[in-house]
Amino acid sequence: MQEPTIWEAKKFTADSSPLYRERGLLRGEDKHSKTKARRVITIEEKIERQSAEVAKVKKKYDEELDKLNIILEKKKEMKSKELLEAFSKSSRTYTEIMNFLKSK
């Protein structure tokens, strides 16, 4: 005959299991029943926290907007430079180009 394994030799039940005893989960006890009660957060605290979060997000938004404006300014400078180069390479006179631009 084979010897019984450890688990067969010791049949654990929910009431006798060391794990259940350690965690205090015997006979219908809820593991959450022993937790601490939460502190009540007042509406003023919620307003304060949300205001701080909005200020933080607004600061980040302003930084990103500044970056966008710098990039747009660089694009405008590049277009101006390109237009000036095209004008200098053109066979048209300044007056002809200005008349063309004003015609619209």
Protein backbone atom coordinates (compact mmCIF):
# COMPACT_ATOMS: atom_id res chain seq x y z
CA MET A 1 0.00 0.00 0.00
CA GLN A 2 1.05 3.54 -0.73
CA GLU A 3 1.56 5.97 2.08
CA PRO A 4 -0.86 8.88 2.04
CA THR A 5 0.49 12.20 0.86
CA ILE A 6 0.68 15.13 3.25
CA TRP A 7 -2.57 16.56 1.91
CA GLU A 8 -4.37 13.26 2.20
CA ALA A 9 -3.05 12.70 5.70
CA LYS A 10 -4.10 16.14 6.87
CA LYS A 11 -7.50 17.00 5.53
CA PHE A 12 -7.86 20.73 6.05
CA THR A 13 -11.24 22.30 6.37
CA ALA A 14 -12.01 25.97 6.24
CA ASP A 15 -12.20 26.00 10.04
CA SER A 16 -8.93 24.19 10.67
CA SER A 17 -6.70 25.57 7.92
CA PRO A 18 -3.79 27.62 9.28
CA LEU A 19 -4.13 30.04 6.37
CA TYR A 20 -7.74 30.76 7.22
CA ARG A 21 -6.92 31.10 10.91
CA GLU A 22 -4.06 33.49 10.16
CA ARG A 23 -6.23 35.73 8.02
CA GLY A 24 -9.17 35.55 10.38
CA LEU A 25 -11.53 34.08 7.83
CA LEU A 26 -13.23 31.51 10.02
CA ARG A 27 -16.93 30.77 9.86
CA GLY A 28 -18.21 33.50 7.64
CA GLU A 29 -15.96 36.32 8.78
CA ASP A 30 -15.41 38.83 6.01
CA LYS A 31 -11.80 39.82 5.39
CA HIS A 32 -12.93 43.42 4.90
CA SER A 33 -14.79 43.60 8.19
CA LYS A 34 -11.59 44.27 10.12
CA THR A 35 -10.38 47.16 7.97
CA LYS A 36 -10.14 50.66 9.34
CA ALA A 37 -12.96 53.08 8.72
CA ARG A 38 -12.14 55.62 6.04
CA ARG A 39 -11.75 59.28 6.90
CA VAL A 40 -14.54 61.42 5.56
CA ILE A 41 -13.26 63.93 3.01
CA THR A 42 -15.04 67.25 3.27
CA ILE A 43 -16.28 69.15 0.24
CA GLU A 44 -13.75 71.89 0.99
CA GLU A 45 -10.91 69.37 0.79
CA LYS A 46 -12.27 68.04 -2.49
CA ILE A 47 -12.47 71.59 -3.87
CA GLU A 48 -8.91 72.30 -2.72
CA ARG A 49 -7.55 69.13 -4.32
CA GLN A 50 -9.38 69.72 -7.58
CA SER A 51 -8.26 73.34 -7.72
CA ALA A 52 -4.66 72.23 -7.27
CA GLU A 53 -5.09 69.64 -10.04
CA VAL A 54 -6.60 72.25 -12.38
CA ALA A 55 -3.72 74.65 -11.66
CA LYS A 56 -1.21 71.90 -12.43
CA VAL A 57 -2.94 70.98 -15.69
CA LYS A 58 -3.28 74.65 -16.68
CA LYS A 59 0.45 75.20 -16.14
CA LYS A 60 1.20 72.19 -18.38
CA TYR A 61 -1.29 73.49 -20.99
CA ASP A 62 0.39 76.91 -21.00
CA GLU A 63 3.83 75.34 -21.44
CA GLU A 64 2.62 73.21 -24.36
CA LEU A 65 0.86 76.23 -25.92
CA ASP A 66 4.12 78.20 -25.74
CA LYS A 67 5.93 75.34 -27.50
CA LEU A 68 3.25 75.31 -30.22
CA ASN A 69 3.54 79.07 -30.73
CA ILE A 70 7.33 78.82 -31.09
CA ILE A 71 6.94 76.10 -33.73
CA LEU A 72 4.29 78.11 -35.62
CA GLU A 73 6.55 81.18 -35.56
CA LYS A 74 9.42 79.12 -37.01
CA LYS A 75 7.11 77.87 -39.77
CA LYS A 76 6.09 81.46 -40.59
CA GLU A 77 9.76 82.51 -40.75
CA MET A 78 10.54 79.60 -43.08
CA LYS A 79 7.69 80.57 -45.42
CA SER A 80 8.80 84.20 -45.43
CA LYS A 81 12.34 83.17 -46.26
CA GLU A 82 11.08 80.87 -49.04
CA LEU A 83 8.97 83.68 -50.50
CA LEU A 84 11.90 86.09 -50.42
CA GLU A 85 14.13 83.54 -52.18
CA ALA A 86 11.46 82.92 -54.83
CA PHE A 87 11.14 86.71 -55.36
CA SER A 88 14.89 87.15 -55.77
CA LYS A 89 15.07 84.28 -58.31
CA SER A 90 12.04 85.57 -60.24
CA SER A 91 12.31 87.60 -63.43
CA ARG A 92 9.32 89.69 -62.37
CA THR A 93 9.71 93.17 -60.97
CA TYR A 94 8.60 94.26 -57.54
CA THR A 95 5.73 96.29 -59.05
CA GLU A 96 4.47 93.32 -61.07
CA ILE A 97 4.46 91.06 -58.02
CA MET A 98 2.72 93.66 -55.85
CA ASN A 99 0.07 94.28 -58.51
CA PHE A 100 -0.50 90.52 -58.73
CA LEU A 101 -0.86 90.19 -54.95
CA LYS A 102 -3.22 93.18 -54.72
CA SER A 103 -5.40 92.01 -57.58
CA LYS A 104 -7.27 89.52 -55.42
